[in-house]
Amino acid sequence: MRGYVGPRFDFSEPRAVERVLIIASSYRCGSTYLSAALWADGRFGAPFEYLNFEKHMDVMMARLGAEDIDEYLRKIVRLRTSPNGVFSVKAHFHHFNAAVQRSSAWNNYLEGAEFLYVDRKDKIAQAVSMARALQDNAWTSFEGARQVPLFYSKEFIDACLKEVMDQTQAWWRWFEMREIQPYIADYETFRQDMPHQVADIADWFGVPSDEPHPVKLPMTEQQADQINRQWIERFVAESKEF
């Protein structure tokens, strides 16, 4: 979603936010694919990694001339709220929690927010996808892969699997402490039928009758290939040896 930081993806008129949707994610869970589908639909705001201080936030803060995170959030909310008053954010837990710690504005937006948790049941496939993306830097299908030799490492995939599980556990601890029951969208299901998934989320979020304002976005495609399958099979086989 690197290209989504530019002004051409802002809504044409600044809007006041009425509802906030948080898409709770972990690396390589399919959240980018789901978020792009929700954004393109036009009823769910513009879900993007606005809180990603490692990649997107600094670029967008510079574009908007924001001096601190509170000013940045106020500006981005006005520009990325859809005509029906919805503002959405996709966030990995460490990005989300950093904003909670640093921004009073973010905590205000969280009051009454709804949470959608993106799950991927096949955690090994998720970890393999993460291990590969860390090597070739191709986090979406429309980002050119870095031309480097890819290498298999059980230890590296183990580390990615631990990170995936840590992020998952961090989100669920946060939900449980606040008695939040998120909507759960699972990757294996929405990969098979995205239109049905979007319609179901619209019913849950309460926007099925809102007028959609479709947005043209560069859409992501599935990236897994024979290399992913070979790494998964090898990792499973080697794990059974211990």
C-alpha atoms as a PDB file:
ATOM      1  CA  MET A   1       0.000   0.000   0.000  1.00  0.00           C
ATOM      2  CA  ARG A   2       3.033   2.237  -0.436  1.00  0.00           C
ATOM      3  CA  GLY A   3       1.420   4.351  -3.165  1.00  0.00           C
ATOM      4  CA  TYR A   4      -1.590   5.248  -1.005  1.00  0.00           C
ATOM      5  CA  VAL A   5       0.196   8.044   0.871  1.00  0.00           C
ATOM      6  CA  GLY A   6      -0.295  10.602  -1.926  1.00  0.00           C
ATOM      7  CA  PRO A   7      -2.992  13.290  -2.192  1.00  0.00           C
ATOM      8  CA  ARG A   8      -4.788  11.575  -5.069  1.00  0.00           C
ATOM      9  CA  PHE A   9      -6.142   9.072  -2.521  1.00  0.00           C
ATOM     10  CA  ASP A  10      -7.610  11.769  -0.255  1.00  0.00           C
ATOM     11  CA  PHE A  11     -11.373  12.188  -0.470  1.00  0.00           C
ATOM     12  CA  SER A  12     -12.368  15.228  -2.520  1.00  0.00           C
ATOM     13  CA  GLU A  13     -13.932  17.092   0.403  1.00  0.00           C
ATOM     14  CA  PRO A  14     -12.776  17.072   4.060  1.00  0.00           C
ATOM     15  CA  ARG A  15     -15.298  15.316   6.299  1.00  0.00           C
ATOM     16  CA  ALA A  16     -16.072  15.223   9.990  1.00  0.00           C
ATOM     17  CA  VAL A  17     -15.599  11.738  11.402  1.00  0.00           C
ATOM     18  CA  GLU A  18     -18.656  10.034  12.891  1.00  0.00           C
ATOM     19  CA  ARG A  19     -17.467   6.435  13.212  1.00  0.00           C
ATOM     20  CA  VAL A  20     -14.040   4.793  13.512  1.00  0.00           C
ATOM     21  CA  LEU A  21     -13.087   1.304  12.318  1.00  0.00           C
ATOM     22  CA  ILE A  22      -9.823  -0.291  13.476  1.00  0.00           C
ATOM     23  CA  ILE A  23      -8.574  -3.202  11.356  1.00  0.00           C
ATOM     24  CA  ALA A  24      -6.372  -5.130  13.776  1.00  0.00           C
ATOM     25  CA  SER A  25      -3.656  -6.993  11.912  1.00  0.00           C
ATOM     26  CA  SER A  26      -0.362  -8.846  12.035  1.00  0.00           C
ATOM     27  CA  TYR A  27       2.313  -9.239   9.366  1.00  0.00           C
ATOM     28  CA  ARG A  28       1.122 -11.134   6.271  1.00  0.00           C
ATOM     29  CA  CYS A  29      -2.337 -11.979   7.573  1.00  0.00           C
ATOM     30  CA  GLY A  30      -4.130 -10.697   4.459  1.00  0.00           C
ATOM     31  CA  SER A  31      -5.154  -7.380   5.999  1.00  0.00           C
ATOM     32  CA  THR A  32      -3.790  -5.321   3.072  1.00  0.00           C
ATOM     33  CA  TYR A  33      -5.951  -7.264   0.626  1.00  0.00           C
ATOM     34  CA  LEU A  34      -9.050  -6.920   2.809  1.00  0.00           C
ATOM     35  CA  SER A  35      -8.420  -3.234   3.534  1.00  0.00           C
ATOM     36  CA  ALA A  36      -8.069  -2.425  -0.155  1.00  0.00           C
ATOM     37  CA  ALA A  37     -11.400  -4.133  -0.860  1.00  0.00           C
ATOM     38  CA  LEU A  38     -13.130  -2.170   1.916  1.00  0.00           C
ATOM     39  CA  TRP A  39     -11.591   1.122   0.758  1.00  0.00           C
ATOM     40  CA  ALA A  40     -12.568   0.481  -2.881  1.00  0.00           C
ATOM     41  CA  ASP A  41     -16.158  -0.199  -1.765  1.00  0.00           C
ATOM     42  CA  GLY A  42     -16.490   3.401  -0.555  1.00  0.00           C
ATOM     43  CA  ARG A  43     -18.428   2.890   2.703  1.00  0.00           C
ATOM     44  CA  PHE A  44     -15.550   2.146   5.093  1.00  0.00           C
ATOM     45  CA  GLY A  45     -13.315   5.187   4.890  1.00  0.00           C
ATOM     46  CA  ALA A  46      -9.787   4.666   3.588  1.00  0.00           C
ATOM     47  CA  PRO A  47      -8.191   1.926   5.728  1.00  0.00           C
ATOM     48  CA  PHE A  48      -4.433   2.318   5.598  1.00  0.00           C
ATOM     49  CA  GLU A  49      -1.409   2.059   7.911  1.00  0.00           C
ATOM     50  CA  TYR A  50      -1.555   5.674   9.108  1.00  0.00           C
ATOM     51  CA  LEU A  51       0.097   4.716  12.403  1.00  0.00           C
ATOM     52  CA  ASN A  52       3.058   2.903  10.809  1.00  0.00           C
ATOM     53  CA  PHE A  53       5.943   4.953  12.194  1.00  0.00           C
ATOM     54  CA  GLU A  54       8.434   2.649  10.438  1.00  0.00           C
ATOM     55  CA  LYS A  55       7.246   3.336   6.908  1.00  0.00           C
ATOM     56  CA  HIS A  56       4.276   5.596   6.099  1.00  0.00           C
ATOM     57  CA  MET A  57       3.692   8.038   8.944  1.00  0.00           C
ATOM     58  CA  ASP A  58       6.754  10.237   8.422  1.00  0.00           C
ATOM     59  CA  VAL A  59       6.003  10.571   4.709  1.00  0.00           C
ATOM     60  CA  MET A  60       2.410  11.612   5.339  1.00  0.00           C
ATOM     61  CA  MET A  61       3.334  13.946   8.198  1.00  0.00           C
ATOM     62  CA  ALA A  62       5.743  15.748   5.857  1.00  0.00           C
ATOM     63  CA  ARG A  63       3.106  15.977   3.121  1.00  0.00           C
ATOM     64  CA  LEU A  64       0.569  17.463   5.523  1.00  0.00           C
ATOM     65  CA  GLY A  65       3.021  19.750   7.320  1.00  0.00           C
ATOM     66  CA  ALA A  66       2.123  18.195  10.675  1.00  0.00           C
ATOM     67  CA  GLU A  67       4.525  18.950  13.525  1.00  0.00           C
ATOM     68  CA  ASP A  68       3.385  16.193  15.874  1.00  0.00           C
ATOM     69  CA  ILE A  69       1.250  13.065  15.884  1.00  0.00           C
ATOM     70  CA  ASP A  70      -1.869  14.801  17.226  1.00  0.00           C
ATOM     71  CA  GLU A  71      -1.829  17.411  14.455  1.00  0.00           C
ATOM     72  CA  TYR A  72      -1.114  14.671  11.916  1.00  0.00           C
ATOM     73  CA  LEU A  73      -4.071  12.550  13.035  1.00  0.00           C
ATOM     74  CA  ARG A  74      -6.482  15.470  13.017  1.00  0.00           C
ATOM     75  CA  LYS A  75      -5.443  16.332   9.455  1.00  0.00           C
ATOM     76  CA  ILE A  76      -5.444  12.798   8.104  1.00  0.00           C
ATOM     77  CA  VAL A  77      -8.858  12.073   9.628  1.00  0.00           C
ATOM     78  CA  ARG A  78     -10.359  15.039   7.779  1.00  0.00           C
ATOM     79  CA  LEU A  79      -8.847  13.968   4.453  1.00  0.00           C
ATOM     80  CA  ARG A  80      -9.443  10.220   4.681  1.00  0.00           C
ATOM     81  CA  THR A  81     -12.979  10.063   6.120  1.00  0.00           C
ATOM     82  CA  SER A  82     -15.486   8.805   3.563  1.00  0.00           C
ATOM     83  CA  PRO A  83     -18.664  10.769   2.730  1.00  0.00           C
ATOM     84  CA  ASN A  84     -20.694   8.648   5.178  1.00  0.00           C
ATOM     85  CA  GLY A  85     -18.458   9.753   8.082  1.00  0.00           C
ATOM     86  CA  VAL A  86     -16.291   6.626   8.471  1.00  0.00           C
ATOM     87  CA  PHE A  87     -12.565   6.776   9.220  1.00  0.00           C
ATOM     88  CA  SER A  88     -10.614   3.512   9.186  1.00  0.00           C
ATOM     89  CA  VAL A  89      -7.110   2.482  10.178  1.00  0.00           C
ATOM     90  CA  LYS A  90      -5.263  -0.763   9.534  1.00  0.00           C
ATOM     91  CA  ALA A  91      -2.644  -1.366  12.220  1.00  0.00           C
ATOM     92  CA  HIS A  92      -0.272  -3.964  13.573  1.00  0.00           C
ATOM     93  CA  PHE A  93      -0.375  -3.981  17.352  1.00  0.00           C
ATOM     94  CA  HIS A  94       2.967  -2.250  18.016  1.00  0.00           C
ATOM     95  CA  HIS A  95       1.990   0.651  15.724  1.00  0.00           C
ATOM     96  CA  PHE A  96      -1.460   0.888  17.303  1.00  0.00           C
ATOM     97  CA  ASN A  97      -0.132   0.752  20.858  1.00  0.00           C
ATOM     98  CA  ALA A  98       2.548   3.382  20.174  1.00  0.00           C
ATOM     99  CA  ALA A  99      -0.207   5.787  19.104  1.00  0.00           C
ATOM    100  CA  VAL A 100      -2.173   4.966  22.265  1.00  0.00           C
ATOM    101  CA  GLN A 101       0.907   5.863  24.330  1.00  0.00           C
ATOM    102  CA  ARG A 102       1.829   9.020  22.400  1.00  0.00           C
ATOM    103  CA  SER A 103      -1.371  10.681  21.228  1.00  0.00           C
ATOM    104  CA  SER A 104      -4.294  12.134  23.137  1.00  0.00           C
ATOM    105  CA  ALA A 105      -6.043  12.750  19.804  1.00  0.00           C
ATOM    106  CA  TRP A 106      -5.813   9.044  18.945  1.00  0.00           C
ATOM    107  CA  ASN A 107      -7.287   8.054  22.292  1.00  0.00           C
ATOM    108  CA  ASN A 108     -10.208  10.395  21.629  1.00  0.00           C
ATOM    109  CA  TYR A 109     -10.846   8.735  18.270  1.00  0.00           C
ATOM    110  CA  LEU A 110     -10.801   5.329  19.946  1.00  0.00           C
ATOM    111  CA  GLU A 111     -13.844   6.135  22.074  1.00  0.00           C
ATOM    112  CA  GLY A 112     -16.643   4.097  20.531  1.00  0.00           C
ATOM    113  CA  ALA A 113     -14.430   2.643  17.792  1.00  0.00           C
ATOM    114  CA  GLU A 114     -15.261  -0.768  16.331  1.00  0.00           C
ATOM    115  CA  PHE A 115     -12.572  -3.426  15.870  1.00  0.00           C
ATOM    116  CA  LEU A 116     -12.225  -5.880  13.024  1.00  0.00           C
ATOM    117  CA  TYR A 117      -9.587  -8.537  13.654  1.00  0.00           C
ATOM    118  CA  VAL A 118      -7.962 -10.211  10.630  1.00  0.00           C
ATOM    119  CA  ASP A 119      -7.013 -13.805  11.355  1.00  0.00           C
ATOM    120  CA  ARG A 120      -5.023 -16.269   9.289  1.00  0.00           C
ATOM    121  CA  LYS A 121      -5.494 -19.813  10.474  1.00  0.00           C
ATOM    122  CA  ASP A 122      -2.428 -21.191   8.713  1.00  0.00           C
ATOM    123  CA  LYS A 123       0.226 -19.512  10.849  1.00  0.00           C
ATOM    124  CA  ILE A 124       3.074 -21.412   9.174  1.00  0.00           C
ATOM    125  CA  ALA A 125       2.065 -20.074   5.763  1.00  0.00           C
ATOM    126  CA  GLN A 126       1.843 -16.625   7.328  1.00  0.00           C
ATOM    127  CA  ALA A 127       5.340 -16.927   8.820  1.00  0.00           C
ATOM    128  CA  VAL A 128       6.788 -18.179   5.524  1.00  0.00           C
ATOM    129  CA  SER A 129       5.192 -15.224   3.721  1.00  0.00           C
ATOM    130  CA  MET A 130       6.724 -12.869   6.275  1.00  0.00           C
ATOM    131  CA  ALA A 131      10.168 -14.483   5.962  1.00  0.00           C
ATOM    132  CA  ARG A 132      10.061 -14.064   2.203  1.00  0.00           C
ATOM    133  CA  ALA A 133       8.827 -10.459   2.286  1.00  0.00           C
ATOM    134  CA  LEU A 134      11.611  -9.516   4.691  1.00  0.00           C
ATOM    135  CA  GLN A 135      14.060 -10.769   2.089  1.00  0.00           C
ATOM    136  CA  ASP A 136      12.648  -9.380  -1.161  1.00  0.00           C
ATOM    137  CA  ASN A 137      10.787  -6.369   0.351  1.00  0.00           C
ATOM    138  CA  ALA A 138       7.709  -7.111  -1.785  1.00  0.00           C
ATOM    139  CA  TRP A 139       4.980  -6.574   0.808  1.00  0.00           C
ATOM    140  CA  THR A 140       2.315  -6.118  -1.890  1.00  0.00           C
ATOM    141  CA  SER A 141       2.000  -7.492  -5.418  1.00  0.00           C
ATOM    142  CA  PHE A 142       2.390  -4.065  -7.018  1.00  0.00           C
ATOM    143  CA  GLU A 143       5.688  -3.340  -5.276  1.00  0.00           C
ATOM    144  CA  GLY A 144       8.680  -4.565  -7.239  1.00  0.00           C
ATOM    145  CA  ALA A 145      10.569  -7.329  -5.465  1.00  0.00           C
ATOM    146  CA  ARG A 146      14.140  -6.610  -4.474  1.00  0.00           C
ATOM    147  CA  GLN A 147      16.389  -8.711  -6.709  1.00  0.00           C
ATOM    148  CA  VAL A 148      18.193 -10.779  -4.119  1.00  0.00           C
ATOM    149  CA  PRO A 149      18.738 -14.541  -3.817  1.00  0.00           C
ATOM    150  CA  LEU A 150      16.013 -15.968  -1.595  1.00  0.00           C
ATOM    151  CA  PHE A 151      17.167 -18.365   1.081  1.00  0.00           C
ATOM    152  CA  TYR A 152      15.336 -20.926   3.206  1.00  0.00           C
ATOM    153  CA  SER A 153      16.080 -20.908   6.929  1.00  0.00           C
ATOM    154  CA  LYS A 154      14.092 -22.844   9.487  1.00  0.00           C
ATOM    155  CA  GLU A 155      15.464 -20.574  12.226  1.00  0.00           C
ATOM    156  CA  PHE A 156      14.372 -17.465  10.328  1.00  0.00           C
ATOM    157  CA  ILE A 157      10.857 -18.842   9.763  1.00  0.00           C
ATOM    158  CA  ASP A 158      10.710 -19.848  13.442  1.00  0.00           C
ATOM    159  CA  ALA A 159      11.496 -16.220  14.370  1.00  0.00           C
ATOM    160  CA  CYS A 160       8.772 -14.974  12.013  1.00  0.00           C
ATOM    161  CA  LEU A 161       6.302 -17.471  13.481  1.00  0.00           C
ATOM    162  CA  LYS A 162       7.111 -16.201  16.967  1.00  0.00           C
ATOM    163  CA  GLU A 163       6.515 -12.605  15.822  1.00  0.00           C
ATOM    164  CA  VAL A 164       3.168 -13.563  14.274  1.00  0.00           C
ATOM    165  CA  MET A 165       2.079 -15.310  17.474  1.00  0.00           C
ATOM    166  CA  ASP A 166       3.296 -12.433  19.666  1.00  0.00           C
ATOM    167  CA  GLN A 167       1.253  -9.934  17.644  1.00  0.00           C
ATOM    168  CA  THR A 168      -1.805 -12.172  17.789  1.00  0.00           C
ATOM    169  CA  GLN A 169      -1.518 -12.576  21.558  1.00  0.00           C
ATOM    170  CA  ALA A 170      -0.938  -8.852  22.085  1.00  0.00           C
ATOM    171  CA  TRP A 171      -4.140  -7.977  20.254  1.00  0.00           C
ATOM    172  CA  TRP A 172      -6.215 -10.527  22.169  1.00  0.00           C
ATOM    173  CA  ARG A 173      -4.815  -9.416  25.527  1.00  0.00           C
ATOM    174  CA  TRP A 174      -5.790  -5.850  24.636  1.00  0.00           C
ATOM    175  CA  PHE A 175      -9.301  -6.917  23.622  1.00  0.00           C
ATOM    176  CA  GLU A 176      -9.811  -9.016  26.736  1.00  0.00           C
ATOM    177  CA  MET A 177      -8.613  -6.294  29.119  1.00  0.00           C
ATOM    178  CA  ARG A 178     -11.197  -3.921  27.624  1.00  0.00           C
ATOM    179  CA  GLU A 179     -13.945  -6.503  27.120  1.00  0.00           C
ATOM    180  CA  ILE A 180     -13.962  -5.917  23.369  1.00  0.00           C
ATOM    181  CA  GLN A 181     -15.369  -8.573  21.066  1.00  0.00           C
ATOM    182  CA  PRO A 182     -14.057  -7.786  17.586  1.00  0.00           C
ATOM    183  CA  TYR A 183     -15.532  -8.926  14.322  1.00  0.00           C
ATOM    184  CA  ILE A 184     -13.244 -11.698  13.032  1.00  0.00           C
ATOM    185  CA  ALA A 185     -12.482 -11.944   9.312  1.00  0.00           C
ATOM    186  CA  ASP A 186     -10.358 -14.883   8.375  1.00  0.00           C
ATOM    187  CA  TYR A 187      -8.002 -14.902   5.446  1.00  0.00           C
ATOM    188  CA  GLU A 188      -8.834 -18.390   4.226  1.00  0.00           C
ATOM    189  CA  THR A 189     -12.521 -17.417   3.939  1.00  0.00           C
ATOM    190  CA  PHE A 190     -12.317 -13.987   2.334  1.00  0.00           C
ATOM    191  CA  ARG A 191      -9.700 -15.171  -0.163  1.00  0.00           C
ATOM    192  CA  GLN A 192     -12.435 -17.415  -1.593  1.00  0.00           C
ATOM    193  CA  ASP A 193     -15.286 -14.875  -1.615  1.00  0.00           C
ATOM    194  CA  MET A 194     -14.364 -11.237  -0.997  1.00  0.00           C
ATOM    195  CA  PRO A 195     -17.728  -9.719  -2.117  1.00  0.00           C
ATOM    196  CA  HIS A 196     -19.562 -11.828   0.468  1.00  0.00           C
ATOM    197  CA  GLN A 197     -17.035 -10.826   3.124  1.00  0.00           C
ATOM    198  CA  VAL A 198     -17.442  -7.108   2.374  1.00  0.00           C
ATOM    199  CA  ALA A 199     -21.237  -7.438   2.496  1.00  0.00           C
ATOM    200  CA  ASP A 200     -21.038  -9.251   5.828  1.00  0.00           C
ATOM    201  CA  ILE A 201     -18.753  -6.563   7.281  1.00  0.00           C
ATOM    202  CA  ALA A 202     -21.158  -3.881   6.039  1.00  0.00           C
ATOM    203  CA  ASP A 203     -24.019  -5.567   7.926  1.00  0.00           C
ATOM    204  CA  TRP A 204     -21.922  -5.906  11.092  1.00  0.00           C
ATOM    205  CA  PHE A 205     -20.657  -2.318  10.935  1.00  0.00           C
ATOM    206  CA  GLY A 206     -24.108  -0.929  10.160  1.00  0.00           C
ATOM    207  CA  VAL A 207     -23.502   0.617   6.729  1.00  0.00           C
ATOM    208  CA  PRO A 208     -25.328  -1.734   4.314  1.00  0.00           C
ATOM    209  CA  SER A 209     -27.723   0.999   3.175  1.00  0.00           C
ATOM    210  CA  ASP A 210     -25.130   3.789   2.993  1.00  0.00           C
ATOM    211  CA  GLU A 211     -24.495   5.092  -0.503  1.00  0.00           C
ATOM    212  CA  PRO A 212     -21.162   3.659  -1.658  1.00  0.00           C
ATOM    213  CA  HIS A 213     -18.596   5.973  -3.233  1.00  0.00           C
ATOM    214  CA  PRO A 214     -16.334   3.507  -5.076  1.00  0.00           C
ATOM    215  CA  VAL A 215     -12.646   4.371  -5.195  1.00  0.00           C
ATOM    216  CA  LYS A 216     -10.187   3.210  -7.858  1.00  0.00           C
ATOM    217  CA  LEU A 217      -7.163   1.688  -6.159  1.00  0.00           C
ATOM    218  CA  PRO A 218      -4.217  -0.415  -7.280  1.00  0.00           C
ATOM    219  CA  MET A 219      -5.404  -3.785  -6.013  1.00  0.00           C
ATOM    220  CA  THR A 220      -3.140  -6.381  -4.497  1.00  0.00           C
ATOM    221  CA  GLU A 221      -2.992  -9.948  -5.776  1.00  0.00           C
ATOM    222  CA  GLN A 222      -1.997 -13.169  -4.093  1.00  0.00           C
ATOM    223  CA  GLN A 223       1.795 -13.461  -3.975  1.00  0.00           C
ATOM    224  CA  ALA A 224       2.351 -17.012  -2.757  1.00  0.00           C
ATOM    225  CA  ASP A 225       3.941 -19.291  -5.344  1.00  0.00           C
ATOM    226  CA  GLN A 226       5.904 -22.517  -5.594  1.00  0.00           C
ATOM    227  CA  ILE A 227       8.685 -21.121  -3.402  1.00  0.00           C
ATOM    228  CA  ASN A 228       6.235 -20.508  -0.563  1.00  0.00           C
ATOM    229  CA  ARG A 229       4.827 -24.014  -0.923  1.00  0.00           C
ATOM    230  CA  GLN A 230       8.296 -25.581  -0.909  1.00  0.00           C
ATOM    231  CA  TRP A 231       9.332 -23.649   2.198  1.00  0.00           C
ATOM    232  CA  ILE A 232       6.124 -24.600   4.017  1.00  0.00           C
ATOM    233  CA  GLU A 233       6.582 -28.290   3.213  1.00  0.00           C
ATOM    234  CA  ARG A 234      10.234 -28.234   4.256  1.00  0.00           C
ATOM    235  CA  PHE A 235       9.516 -26.340   7.462  1.00  0.00           C
ATOM    236  CA  VAL A 236       6.739 -28.771   8.453  1.00  0.00           C
ATOM    237  CA  ALA A 237       8.950 -31.776   7.680  1.00  0.00           C
ATOM    238  CA  GLU A 238      11.906 -30.395   9.647  1.00  0.00           C
ATOM    239  CA  SER A 239       9.690 -29.423  12.575  1.00  0.00           C
ATOM    240  CA  LYS A 240       8.456 -33.021  12.855  1.00  0.00           C
ATOM    241  CA  GLU A 241      12.032 -34.243  13.219  1.00  0.00           C
ATOM    242  CA  PHE A 242      12.389 -32.671  16.668  1.00  0.00           C
END
